[in-house]
PDB file of N, CA and C in Angstrom:
ATOM      1  N   UNK A   1      26.691  45.101 -22.128  1.00  0.00           N
ATOM      2  CA  UNK A   1      27.027  46.294 -21.365  1.00  0.00           C
ATOM      3  C   UNK A   1      27.101  45.978 -19.867  1.00  0.00           C
ATOM      4  N   UNK A   2      26.153  45.193 -19.385  1.00  0.00           N
ATOM      5  CA  UNK A   2      26.130  44.859 -17.964  1.00  0.00           C
ATOM      6  C   UNK A   2      27.402  44.103 -17.570  1.00  0.00           C
ATOM      7  N   UNK A   3      27.819  43.156 -18.395  1.00  0.00           N
ATOM      8  CA  UNK A   3      29.027  42.383 -18.131  1.00  0.00           C
ATOM      9  C   UNK A   3      30.254  43.297 -18.089  1.00  0.00           C
ATOM     10  N   UNK A   4      30.314  44.241 -18.991  1.00  0.00           N
ATOM     11  CA  UNK A   4      31.416  45.204 -19.030  1.00  0.00           C
ATOM     12  C   UNK A   4      31.457  46.000 -17.730  1.00  0.00           C
ATOM     13  N   UNK A   5      30.305  46.504 -17.302  1.00  0.00           N
ATOM     14  CA  UNK A   5      30.236  47.288 -16.062  1.00  0.00           C
ATOM     15  C   UNK A   5      30.643  46.452 -14.858  1.00  0.00           C
ATOM     16  N   UNK A   6      30.207  45.204 -14.834  1.00  0.00           N
ATOM     17  CA  UNK A   6      30.580  44.330 -13.725  1.00  0.00           C
ATOM     18  C   UNK A   6      32.091  44.090 -13.712  1.00  0.00           C
ATOM     19  N   UNK A   7      32.685  43.948 -14.889  1.00  0.00           N
ATOM     20  CA  UNK A   7      34.138  43.770 -14.972  1.00  0.00           C
ATOM     21  C   UNK A   7      34.876  45.008 -14.480  1.00  0.00           C
ATOM     22  N   UNK A   8      34.387  46.171 -14.856  1.00  0.00           N
ATOM     23  CA  UNK A   8      34.999  47.424 -14.403  1.00  0.00           C
ATOM     24  C   UNK A   8      34.892  47.540 -12.887  1.00  0.00           C
ATOM     25  N   UNK A   9      33.718  47.256 -12.357  1.00  0.00           N
ATOM     26  CA  UNK A   9      33.503  47.340 -10.904  1.00  0.00           C
ATOM     27  C   UNK A   9      34.422  46.354 -10.186  1.00  0.00           C
ATOM     28  N   UNK A  10      34.543  45.138 -10.721  1.00  0.00           N
ATOM     29  CA  UNK A  10      35.422  44.131 -10.131  1.00  0.00           C
ATOM     30  C   UNK A  10      36.879  44.604 -10.172  1.00  0.00           C
ATOM     31  N   UNK A  11      37.281  45.179 -11.285  1.00  0.00           N
ATOM     32  CA  UNK A  11      38.650  45.695 -11.435  1.00  0.00           C
ATOM     33  C   UNK A  11      38.920  46.821 -10.432  1.00  0.00           C
ATOM     34  N   UNK A  12      37.983  47.727 -10.290  1.00  0.00           N
ATOM     35  CA  UNK A  12      38.130  48.838  -9.338  1.00  0.00           C
ATOM     36  C   UNK A  12      38.235  48.295  -7.918  1.00  0.00           C
ATOM     37  N   UNK A  13      37.404  47.312  -7.589  1.00  0.00           N
ATOM     38  CA  UNK A  13      37.441  46.722  -6.247  1.00  0.00           C
ATOM     39  C   UNK A  13      38.809  46.099  -5.970  1.00  0.00           C
ATOM     40  N   UNK A  14      39.379  45.422  -6.977  1.00  0.00           N
ATOM     41  CA  UNK A  14      40.704  44.814  -6.796  1.00  0.00           C
ATOM     42  C   UNK A  14      41.772  45.886  -6.595  1.00  0.00           C
ATOM     43  N   UNK A  15      41.671  46.974  -7.338  1.00  0.00           N
ATOM     44  CA  UNK A  15      42.625  48.075  -7.162  1.00  0.00           C
ATOM     45  C   UNK A  15      42.509  48.676  -5.771  1.00  0.00           C
ATOM     46  N   UNK A  16      41.269  48.857  -5.310  1.00  0.00           N
ATOM     47  CA  UNK A  16      41.060  49.415  -3.969  1.00  0.00           C
ATOM     48  C   UNK A  16      41.614  48.480  -2.907  1.00  0.00           C
ATOM     49  N   UNK A  17      41.418  47.158  -3.094  1.00  0.00           N
ATOM     50  CA  UNK A  17      41.965  46.196  -2.138  1.00  0.00           C
ATOM     51  C   UNK A  17      43.492  46.261  -2.118  1.00  0.00           C
ATOM     52  N   UNK A  18      44.101  46.387  -3.289  1.00  0.00           N
ATOM     53  CA  UNK A  18      45.562  46.473  -3.369  1.00  0.00           C
ATOM     54  C   UNK A  18      46.064  47.751  -2.702  1.00  0.00           C
ATOM     55  N   UNK A  19      45.367  48.857  -2.925  1.00  0.00           N
ATOM     56  CA  UNK A  19      45.762  50.129  -2.312  1.00  0.00           C
ATOM     57  C   UNK A  19      45.624  50.051  -0.795  1.00  0.00           C
ATOM     58  N   UNK A  20      44.551  49.436  -0.332  1.00  0.00           N
ATOM     59  CA  UNK A  20      44.340  49.272   1.107  1.00  0.00           C
ATOM     60  C   UNK A  20      45.464  48.422   1.703  1.00  0.00           C
ATOM     61  N   UNK A  21      45.786  47.306   1.048  1.00  0.00           N
ATOM     62  CA  UNK A  21      46.848  46.429   1.544  1.00  0.00           C
ATOM     63  C   UNK A  21      48.183  47.169   1.586  1.00  0.00           C
ATOM     64  N   UNK A  22      48.470  47.938   0.556  1.00  0.00           N
ATOM     65  CA  UNK A  22      49.719  48.703   0.522  1.00  0.00           C
ATOM     66  C   UNK A  22      49.748  49.750   1.636  1.00  0.00           C
ATOM     67  N   UNK A  23      48.619  50.391   1.890  1.00  0.00           N
ATOM     68  CA  UNK A  23      48.548  51.388   2.967  1.00  0.00           C
ATOM     69  C   UNK A  23      48.854  50.740   4.315  1.00  0.00           C
ATOM     70  N   UNK A  24      48.273  49.568   4.558  1.00  0.00           N
ATOM     71  CA  UNK A  24      48.512  48.876   5.822  1.00  0.00           C
ATOM     72  C   UNK A  24      49.979  48.442   5.931  1.00  0.00           C
ATOM     73  N   UNK A  25      50.555  47.934   4.836  1.00  0.00           N
ATOM     74  CA  UNK A  25      51.955  47.500   4.859  1.00  0.00           C
ATOM     75  C   UNK A  25      52.898  48.687   5.052  1.00  0.00           C
ATOM     76  N   UNK A  26      52.647  49.769   4.352  1.00  0.00           N
ATOM     77  CA  UNK A  26      53.505  50.955   4.471  1.00  0.00           C
ATOM     78  C   UNK A  26      53.434  51.524   5.881  1.00  0.00           C
ATOM     79  N   UNK A  27      52.239  51.575   6.429  1.00  0.00           N
ATOM     80  CA  UNK A  27      52.066  52.107   7.784  1.00  0.00           C
ATOM     81  C   UNK A  27      52.785  51.227   8.805  1.00  0.00           C
ATOM     82  N   UNK A  28      52.660  49.912   8.641  1.00  0.00           N
ATOM     83  CA  UNK A  28      53.338  48.990   9.553  1.00  0.00           C
ATOM     84  C   UNK A  28      54.853  49.154   9.464  1.00  0.00           C
ATOM     85  N   UNK A  29      55.371  49.271   8.257  1.00  0.00           N
ATOM     86  CA  UNK A  29      56.818  49.466   8.087  1.00  0.00           C
ATOM     87  C   UNK A  29      57.267  50.754   8.765  1.00  0.00           C
ATOM     88  N   UNK A  30      56.473  51.800   8.644  1.00  0.00           N
ATOM     89  CA  UNK A  30      56.799  53.086   9.275  1.00  0.00           C
ATOM     90  C   UNK A  30      56.804  52.955  10.795  1.00  0.00           C
ATOM     91  N   UNK A  31      55.803  52.264  11.343  1.00  0.00           N
ATOM     92  CA  UNK A  31      55.744  52.069  12.800  1.00  0.00           C
ATOM     93  C   UNK A  31      56.946  51.260  13.286  1.00  0.00           C
ATOM     94  N   UNK A  32      57.313  50.226  12.541  1.00  0.00           N
ATOM     95  CA  UNK A  32      58.459  49.401  12.936  1.00  0.00           C
ATOM     96  C   UNK A  32      59.748  50.208  12.913  1.00  0.00           C
ATOM     97  N   UNK A  33      59.919  51.026  11.895  1.00  0.00           N
ATOM     98  CA  UNK A  33      61.099  51.889  11.819  1.00  0.00           C
ATOM     99  C   UNK A  33      61.096  52.892  12.976  1.00  0.00           C
ATOM    100  N   UNK A  34      59.933  53.472  13.249  1.00  0.00           N
ATOM    101  CA  UNK A  34      59.810  54.410  14.362  1.00  0.00           C
ATOM    102  C   UNK A  34      60.151  53.753  15.690  1.00  0.00           C
ATOM    103  N   UNK A  35      59.701  52.517  15.878  1.00  0.00           N
ATOM    104  CA  UNK A  35      59.994  51.792  17.117  1.00  0.00           C
ATOM    105  C   UNK A  35      61.497  51.541  17.246  1.00  0.00           C
ATOM    106  N   UNK A  36      62.147  51.197  16.141  1.00  0.00           N
ATOM    107  CA  UNK A  36      63.601  50.982  16.174  1.00  0.00           C
ATOM    108  C   UNK A  36      64.336  52.245  16.617  1.00  0.00           C
ATOM    109  N   UNK A  37      63.955  53.372  16.053  1.00  0.00           N
ATOM    110  CA  UNK A  37      64.623  54.628  16.414  1.00  0.00           C
ATOM    111  C   UNK A  37      64.294  55.046  17.839  1.00  0.00           C
ATOM    112  N   UNK A  38      63.066  54.811  18.260  1.00  0.00           N
ATOM    113  CA  UNK A  38      62.715  55.160  19.636  1.00  0.00           C
ATOM    114  C   UNK A  38      63.505  54.306  20.620  1.00  0.00           C
ATOM    115  N   UNK A  39      63.787  53.063  20.249  1.00  0.00           N
ATOM    116  CA  UNK A  39      64.551  52.184  21.136  1.00  0.00           C
ATOM    117  C   UNK A  39      65.991  52.644  21.333  1.00  0.00           C
ATOM    118  N   UNK A  40      66.519  53.442  20.420  1.00  0.00           N
ATOM    119  CA  UNK A  40      67.886  53.958  20.603  1.00  0.00           C
ATOM    120  C   UNK A  40      67.888  55.424  21.047  1.00  0.00           C
ATOM    121  N   UNK A  41      66.710  55.958  21.292  1.00  0.00           N
ATOM    122  CA  UNK A  41      66.566  57.330  21.783  1.00  0.00           C
ATOM    123  C   UNK A  41      66.792  57.323  23.292  1.00  0.00           C
ATOM    124  N   UNK A  42      67.476  58.313  23.849  1.00  0.00           N
ATOM    125  CA  UNK A  42      67.650  58.370  25.303  1.00  0.00           C
ATOM    126  C   UNK A  42      66.310  58.231  26.029  1.00  0.00           C
ATOM    127  N   UNK A  43      66.348  57.531  27.154  1.00  0.00           N
ATOM    128  CA  UNK A  43      65.137  57.147  27.877  1.00  0.00           C
ATOM    129  C   UNK A  43      64.194  58.318  28.144  1.00  0.00           C
ATOM    130  N   UNK A  44      64.687  59.406  28.673  1.00  0.00           N
ATOM    131  CA  UNK A  44      63.809  60.528  29.023  1.00  0.00           C
ATOM    132  C   UNK A  44      63.109  61.082  27.788  1.00  0.00           C
ATOM    133  N   UNK A  45      63.837  61.249  26.717  1.00  0.00           N
ATOM    134  CA  UNK A  45      63.244  61.774  25.489  1.00  0.00           C
ATOM    135  C   UNK A  45      62.237  60.783  24.912  1.00  0.00           C
ATOM    136  N   UNK A  46      62.575  59.505  24.973  1.00  0.00           N
ATOM    137  CA  UNK A  46      61.664  58.462  24.495  1.00  0.00           C
ATOM    138  C   UNK A  46      60.360  58.484  25.296  1.00  0.00           C
ATOM    139  N   UNK A  47      60.463  58.594  26.608  1.00  0.00           N
ATOM    140  CA  UNK A  47      59.264  58.632  27.449  1.00  0.00           C
ATOM    141  C   UNK A  47      58.430  59.875  27.165  1.00  0.00           C
ATOM    142  N   UNK A  48      59.089  60.984  26.915  1.00  0.00           N
ATOM    143  CA  UNK A  48      58.377  62.216  26.553  1.00  0.00           C
ATOM    144  C   UNK A  48      57.610  62.018  25.245  1.00  0.00           C
ATOM    145  N   UNK A  49      58.273  61.457  24.244  1.00  0.00           N
ATOM    146  CA  UNK A  49      57.626  61.225  22.948  1.00  0.00           C
ATOM    147  C   UNK A  49      56.432  60.288  23.124  1.00  0.00           C
ATOM    148  N   UNK A  50      56.611  59.221  23.898  1.00  0.00           N
ATOM    149  CA  UNK A  50      55.500  58.294  24.143  1.00  0.00           C
ATOM    150  C   UNK A  50      54.324  59.008  24.807  1.00  0.00           C
ATOM    151  N   UNK A  51      54.635  59.860  25.771  1.00  0.00           N
ATOM    152  CA  UNK A  51      53.567  60.574  26.480  1.00  0.00           C
ATOM    153  C   UNK A  51      52.820  61.527  25.540  1.00  0.00           C
ATOM    154  N   UNK A  52      53.554  62.245  24.721  1.00  0.00           N
ATOM    155  CA  UNK A  52      52.926  63.144  23.747  1.00  0.00           C
ATOM    156  C   UNK A  52      52.057  62.343  22.784  1.00  0.00           C
ATOM    157  N   UNK A  53      52.595  61.245  22.267  1.00  0.00           N
ATOM    158  CA  UNK A  53      51.833  60.422  21.331  1.00  0.00           C
ATOM    159  C   UNK A  53      50.589  59.820  21.976  1.00  0.00           C
ATOM    160  N   UNK A  54      50.702  59.414  23.230  1.00  0.00           N
ATOM    161  CA  UNK A  54      49.524  58.885  23.930  1.00  0.00           C
ATOM    162  C   UNK A  54      48.444  59.951  24.027  1.00  0.00           C
ATOM    163  N   UNK A  55      48.849  61.172  24.333  1.00  0.00           N
ATOM    164  CA  UNK A  55      47.881  62.262  24.420  1.00  0.00           C
ATOM    165  C   UNK A  55      47.231  62.585  23.090  1.00  0.00           C
ATOM    166  N   UNK A  56      48.006  62.533  22.032  1.00  0.00           N
ATOM    167  CA  UNK A  56      47.488  62.865  20.700  1.00  0.00           C
ATOM    168  C   UNK A  56      46.698  61.725  20.060  1.00  0.00           C
ATOM    169  N   UNK A  57      47.232  60.503  20.218  1.00  0.00           N
ATOM    170  CA  UNK A  57      46.702  59.390  19.429  1.00  0.00           C
ATOM    171  C   UNK A  57      46.228  58.195  20.241  1.00  0.00           C
ATOM    172  N   UNK A  58      46.500  58.199  21.555  1.00  0.00           N
ATOM    173  CA  UNK A  58      46.139  57.038  22.364  1.00  0.00           C
ATOM    174  C   UNK A  58      47.054  55.844  22.114  1.00  0.00           C
ATOM    175  N   UNK A  59      48.236  56.095  21.561  1.00  0.00           N
ATOM    176  CA  UNK A  59      49.185  55.037  21.215  1.00  0.00           C
ATOM    177  C   UNK A  59      50.590  55.632  21.315  1.00  0.00           C
ATOM    178  N   UNK A  60      51.500  54.989  22.046  1.00  0.00           N
ATOM    179  CA  UNK A  60      52.830  55.574  22.228  1.00  0.00           C
ATOM    180  C   UNK A  60      53.651  55.686  20.946  1.00  0.00           C
ATOM    181  N   UNK A  61      53.351  54.856  19.955  1.00  0.00           N
ATOM    182  CA  UNK A  61      54.122  54.900  18.709  1.00  0.00           C
ATOM    183  C   UNK A  61      53.542  55.855  17.675  1.00  0.00           C
ATOM    184  N   UNK A  62      52.428  56.460  17.980  1.00  0.00           N
ATOM    185  CA  UNK A  62      51.807  57.375  17.020  1.00  0.00           C
ATOM    186  C   UNK A  62      50.463  56.852  16.565  1.00  0.00           C
ATOM    187  N   UNK A  63      49.875  57.499  15.584  1.00  0.00           N
ATOM    188  CA  UNK A  63      48.526  57.113  15.170  1.00  0.00           C
ATOM    189  C   UNK A  63      48.502  55.734  14.515  1.00  0.00           C
ATOM    190  N   UNK A  64      47.491  54.960  14.858  1.00  0.00           N
ATOM    191  CA  UNK A  64      47.298  53.676  14.182  1.00  0.00           C
ATOM    192  C   UNK A  64      46.704  53.935  12.805  1.00  0.00           C
ATOM    193  N   UNK A  65      46.793  52.958  11.940  1.00  0.00           N
ATOM    194  CA  UNK A  65      46.213  53.104  10.606  1.00  0.00           C
ATOM    195  C   UNK A  65      44.701  53.294  10.721  1.00  0.00           C
ATOM    196  N   UNK A  66      44.096  52.655  11.720  1.00  0.00           N
ATOM    197  CA  UNK A  66      42.649  52.777  11.909  1.00  0.00           C
ATOM    198  C   UNK A  66      42.267  54.193  12.332  1.00  0.00           C
ATOM    199  N   UNK A  67      43.086  54.805  13.175  1.00  0.00           N
ATOM    200  CA  UNK A  67      42.821  56.183  13.580  1.00  0.00           C
ATOM    201  C   UNK A  67      42.945  57.122  12.388  1.00  0.00           C
ATOM    202  N   UNK A  68      43.940  56.902  11.556  1.00  0.00           N
ATOM    203  CA  UNK A  68      44.104  57.746  10.367  1.00  0.00           C
ATOM    204  C   UNK A  68      42.886  57.634   9.450  1.00  0.00           C
ATOM    205  N   UNK A  69      42.401  56.420   9.261  1.00  0.00           N
ATOM    206  CA  UNK A  69      41.204  56.209   8.438  1.00  0.00           C
ATOM    207  C   UNK A  69      40.005  56.888   9.089  1.00  0.00           C
ATOM    208  N   UNK A  70      39.884  56.716  10.400  1.00  0.00           N
ATOM    209  CA  UNK A  70      38.784  57.345  11.141  1.00  0.00           C
ATOM    210  C   UNK A  70      38.820  58.863  11.005  1.00  0.00           C
ATOM    211  N   UNK A  71      40.009  59.419  10.932  1.00  0.00           N
ATOM    212  CA  UNK A  71      40.168  60.873  10.788  1.00  0.00           C
ATOM    213  C   UNK A  71      40.077  61.339   9.334  1.00  0.00           C
ATOM    214  N   UNK A  72      39.702  60.434   8.442  1.00  0.00           N
ATOM    215  CA  UNK A  72      39.428  60.822   7.066  1.00  0.00           C
ATOM    216  C   UNK A  72      40.574  60.694   6.087  1.00  0.00           C
ATOM    217  N   UNK A  73      41.673  60.077   6.504  1.00  0.00           N
ATOM    218  CA  UNK A  73      42.799  59.907   5.582  1.00  0.00           C
ATOM    219  C   UNK A  73      42.469  58.813   4.564  1.00  0.00           C
ATOM    220  N   UNK A  74      42.852  59.050   3.319  1.00  0.00           N
ATOM    221  CA  UNK A  74      42.664  58.043   2.277  1.00  0.00           C
ATOM    222  C   UNK A  74      43.836  57.066   2.322  1.00  0.00           C
ATOM    223  N   UNK A  75      43.668  55.937   1.652  1.00  0.00           N
ATOM    224  CA  UNK A  75      44.770  54.978   1.598  1.00  0.00           C
ATOM    225  C   UNK A  75      45.987  55.595   0.921  1.00  0.00           C
ATOM    226  N   UNK A  76      45.769  56.389  -0.108  1.00  0.00           N
ATOM    227  CA  UNK A  76      46.895  57.059  -0.778  1.00  0.00           C
ATOM    228  C   UNK A  76      47.615  58.007   0.177  1.00  0.00           C
ATOM    229  N   UNK A  77      46.853  58.742   0.969  1.00  0.00           N
ATOM    230  CA  UNK A  77      47.469  59.667   1.936  1.00  0.00           C
ATOM    231  C   UNK A  77      48.265  58.904   2.994  1.00  0.00           C
ATOM    232  N   UNK A  78      47.746  57.757   3.411  1.00  0.00           N
ATOM    233  CA  UNK A  78      48.453  56.943   4.406  1.00  0.00           C
ATOM    234  C   UNK A  78      49.758  56.414   3.813  1.00  0.00           C
ATOM    235  N   UNK A  79      49.696  55.950   2.578  1.00  0.00           N
ATOM    236  CA  UNK A  79      50.913  55.466   1.906  1.00  0.00           C
ATOM    237  C   UNK A  79      51.932  56.596   1.806  1.00  0.00           C
ATOM    238  N   UNK A  80      51.489  57.746   1.357  1.00  0.00           N
ATOM    239  CA  UNK A  80      52.378  58.898   1.176  1.00  0.00           C
ATOM    240  C   UNK A  80      52.997  59.336   2.510  1.00  0.00           C
ATOM    241  N   UNK A  81      52.160  59.479   3.527  1.00  0.00           N
ATOM    242  CA  UNK A  81      52.678  59.964   4.812  1.00  0.00           C
ATOM    243  C   UNK A  81      53.595  58.941   5.480  1.00  0.00           C
ATOM    244  N   UNK A  82      53.421  57.672   5.160  1.00  0.00           N
ATOM    245  CA  UNK A  82      54.292  56.638   5.725  1.00  0.00           C
ATOM    246  C   UNK A  82      55.725  56.760   5.231  1.00  0.00           C
ATOM    247  N   UNK A  83      55.903  57.452   4.129  1.00  0.00           N
ATOM    248  CA  UNK A  83      57.247  57.595   3.560  1.00  0.00           C
ATOM    249  C   UNK A  83      57.924  58.900   3.966  1.00  0.00           C
ATOM    250  N   UNK A  84      57.275  59.679   4.811  1.00  0.00           N
ATOM    251  CA  UNK A  84      57.785  61.003   5.183  1.00  0.00           C
ATOM    252  C   UNK A  84      58.118  61.061   6.670  1.00  0.00           C
ATOM    253  N   UNK A  85      59.151  61.804   7.031  1.00  0.00           N
ATOM    254  CA  UNK A  85      59.419  62.036   8.455  1.00  0.00           C
ATOM    255  C   UNK A  85      58.391  63.012   9.030  1.00  0.00           C
ATOM    256  N   UNK A  86      58.335  63.071  10.333  1.00  0.00           N
ATOM    257  CA  UNK A  86      57.429  64.000  11.006  1.00  0.00           C
ATOM    258  C   UNK A  86      57.838  65.429  10.644  1.00  0.00           C
ATOM    259  N   UNK A  87      56.944  66.190  10.001  1.00  0.00           N
ATOM    260  CA  UNK A  87      57.316  67.552   9.606  1.00  0.00           C
ATOM    261  C   UNK A  87      57.386  68.514  10.791  1.00  0.00           C
ATOM    262  N   UNK A  88      56.791  68.125  11.920  1.00  0.00           N
ATOM    263  CA  UNK A  88      56.743  69.002  13.092  1.00  0.00           C
ATOM    264  C   UNK A  88      57.619  68.490  14.230  1.00  0.00           C
ATOM    265  N   UNK A  89      58.727  67.818  13.909  1.00  0.00           N
ATOM    266  CA  UNK A  89      59.544  67.229  14.964  1.00  0.00           C
ATOM    267  C   UNK A  89      60.092  68.296  15.912  1.00  0.00           C
ATOM    268  N   UNK A  90      60.460  69.457  15.401  1.00  0.00           N
ATOM    269  CA  UNK A  90      60.948  70.526  16.286  1.00  0.00           C
ATOM    270  C   UNK A  90      59.842  71.014  17.211  1.00  0.00           C
ATOM    271  N   UNK A  91      58.638  71.106  16.684  1.00  0.00           N
ATOM    272  CA  UNK A  91      57.494  71.502  17.512  1.00  0.00           C
ATOM    273  C   UNK A  91      57.242  70.439  18.580  1.00  0.00           C
ATOM    274  N   UNK A  92      57.320  69.176  18.176  1.00  0.00           N
ATOM    275  CA  UNK A  92      57.127  68.081  19.121  1.00  0.00           C
ATOM    276  C   UNK A  92      58.139  68.154  20.258  1.00  0.00           C
ATOM    277  N   UNK A  93      59.390  68.388  19.914  1.00  0.00           N
ATOM    278  CA  UNK A  93      60.458  68.378  20.918  1.00  0.00           C
ATOM    279  C   UNK A  93      60.546  69.662  21.726  1.00  0.00           C
ATOM    280  N   UNK A  94      59.861  70.704  21.296  1.00  0.00           N
ATOM    281  CA  UNK A  94      59.970  72.002  21.975  1.00  0.00           C
ATOM    282  C   UNK A  94      59.480  71.966  23.419  1.00  0.00           C
ATOM    283  N   UNK A  95      58.637  71.025  23.761  1.00  0.00           N
ATOM    284  CA  UNK A  95      58.129  70.947  25.130  1.00  0.00           C
ATOM    285  C   UNK A  95      58.923  70.023  26.032  1.00  0.00           C
ATOM    286  N   UNK A  96      59.986  69.436  25.502  1.00  0.00           N
ATOM    287  CA  UNK A  96      60.745  68.459  26.282  1.00  0.00           C
ATOM    288  C   UNK A  96      61.344  69.039  27.556  1.00  0.00           C
ATOM    289  N   UNK A  97      62.002  70.190  27.468  1.00  0.00           N
ATOM    290  CA  UNK A  97      62.640  70.775  28.662  1.00  0.00           C
ATOM    291  C   UNK A  97      61.628  71.033  29.761  1.00  0.00           C
ATOM    292  N   UNK A  98      60.495  71.606  29.401  1.00  0.00           N
ATOM    293  CA  UNK A  98      59.452  71.884  30.393  1.00  0.00           C
ATOM    294  C   UNK A  98      58.946  70.576  31.004  1.00  0.00           C
ATOM    295  N   UNK A  99      58.759  69.569  30.162  1.00  0.00           N
ATOM    296  CA  UNK A  99      58.300  68.261  30.633  1.00  0.00           C
ATOM    297  C   UNK A  99      59.307  67.678  31.622  1.00  0.00           C
ATOM    298  N   UNK A 100      60.599  67.720  31.259  1.00  0.00           N
ATOM    299  CA  UNK A 100      61.644  67.156  32.103  1.00  0.00           C
ATOM    300  C   UNK A 100      61.743  67.908  33.429  1.00  0.00           C
ATOM    301  N   UNK A 101      61.623  69.239  33.378  1.00  0.00           N
ATOM    302  CA  UNK A 101      61.680  70.046  34.602  1.00  0.00           C
ATOM    303  C   UNK A 101      60.507  69.757  35.530  1.00  0.00           C
ATOM    304  N   UNK A 102      59.412  69.259  34.990  1.00  0.00           N
ATOM    305  CA  UNK A 102      58.239  68.963  35.817  1.00  0.00           C
ATOM    306  C   UNK A 102      58.367  67.628  36.547  1.00  0.00           C
ATOM    307  N   UNK A 103      59.366  66.850  36.198  1.00  0.00           N
ATOM    308  CA  UNK A 103      59.554  65.532  36.804  1.00  0.00           C
ATOM    309  C   UNK A 103      60.214  65.673  38.172  1.00  0.00           C
ATOM    310  N   UNK A 104      59.887  64.765  39.079  1.00  0.00           N
ATOM    311  CA  UNK A 104      60.515  64.824  40.410  1.00  0.00           C
ATOM    312  C   UNK A 104      62.005  64.490  40.332  1.00  0.00           C
ATOM    313  N   UNK A 105      62.726  64.931  41.333  1.00  0.00           N
ATOM    314  CA  UNK A 105      64.168  64.675  41.384  1.00  0.00           C
ATOM    315  C   UNK A 105      64.479  63.183  41.300  1.00  0.00           C
ATOM    316  N   UNK A 106      63.599  62.366  41.882  1.00  0.00           N
ATOM    317  CA  UNK A 106      63.839  60.919  41.866  1.00  0.00           C
ATOM    318  C   UNK A 106      63.852  60.376  40.432  1.00  0.00           C
ATOM    319  N   UNK A 107      63.057  60.964  39.559  1.00  0.00           N
ATOM    320  CA  UNK A 107      63.049  60.541  38.153  1.00  0.00           C
ATOM    321  C   UNK A 107      64.391  60.880  37.502  1.00  0.00           C
ATOM    322  N   UNK A 108      64.862  62.090  37.751  1.00  0.00           N
ATOM    323  CA  UNK A 108      66.145  62.523  37.187  1.00  0.00           C
ATOM    324  C   UNK A 108      67.265  61.623  37.700  1.00  0.00           C
ATOM    325  N   UNK A 109      67.199  61.279  38.992  1.00  0.00           N
ATOM    326  CA  UNK A 109      68.223  60.414  39.585  1.00  0.00           C
ATOM    327  C   UNK A 109      68.231  59.050  38.904  1.00  0.00           C
ATOM    328  N   UNK A 110      67.061  58.496  38.616  1.00  0.00           N
ATOM    329  CA  UNK A 110      67.033  57.182  37.957  1.00  0.00           C
ATOM    330  C   UNK A 110      67.669  57.258  36.568  1.00  0.00           C
ATOM    331  N   UNK A 111      67.513  58.382  35.899  1.00  0.00           N
ATOM    332  CA  UNK A 111      68.135  58.548  34.583  1.00  0.00           C
ATOM    333  C   UNK A 111      69.651  58.564  34.700  1.00  0.00           C
ATOM    334  N   UNK A 112      70.139  59.205  35.753  1.00  0.00           N
ATOM    335  CA  UNK A 112      71.583  59.328  35.931  1.00  0.00           C
ATOM    336  C   UNK A 112      72.201  58.012  36.390  1.00  0.00           C
ATOM    337  N   UNK A 113      71.400  57.178  37.052  1.00  0.00           N
ATOM    338  CA  UNK A 113      71.903  55.896  37.550  1.00  0.00           C
ATOM    339  C   UNK A 113      71.985  54.840  36.449  1.00  0.00           C
ATOM    340  N   UNK A 114      71.350  55.087  35.331  1.00  0.00           N
ATOM    341  CA  UNK A 114      71.341  54.072  34.262  1.00  0.00           C
ATOM    342  C   UNK A 114      72.576  54.129  33.416  1.00  0.00           C
TER     343      UNK A 114
END
């Protein structure tokens, strides 16, 4: 019986390790895809998104996998959310105009000069 239990525990540990590895890989793939899209986003909007993300997560690309774990997300939840777009993108972008209007004229001029 003891050997059986040890085998089950070992099997569960291997499954958990595989799930953890998949969560990290899925999250990394999502961040890389996000970085690609941000790189083709107009500069002002990209800077706004980075600023919002820094305020929310302390990272311009969004939450790190470690932050998600710290906030109680399971590996399954991280895998699942890595495959989904931001459900609140309209909410995220709703503050862009106000943010842009708060910038000095010199900032706007640099955007127009590029």
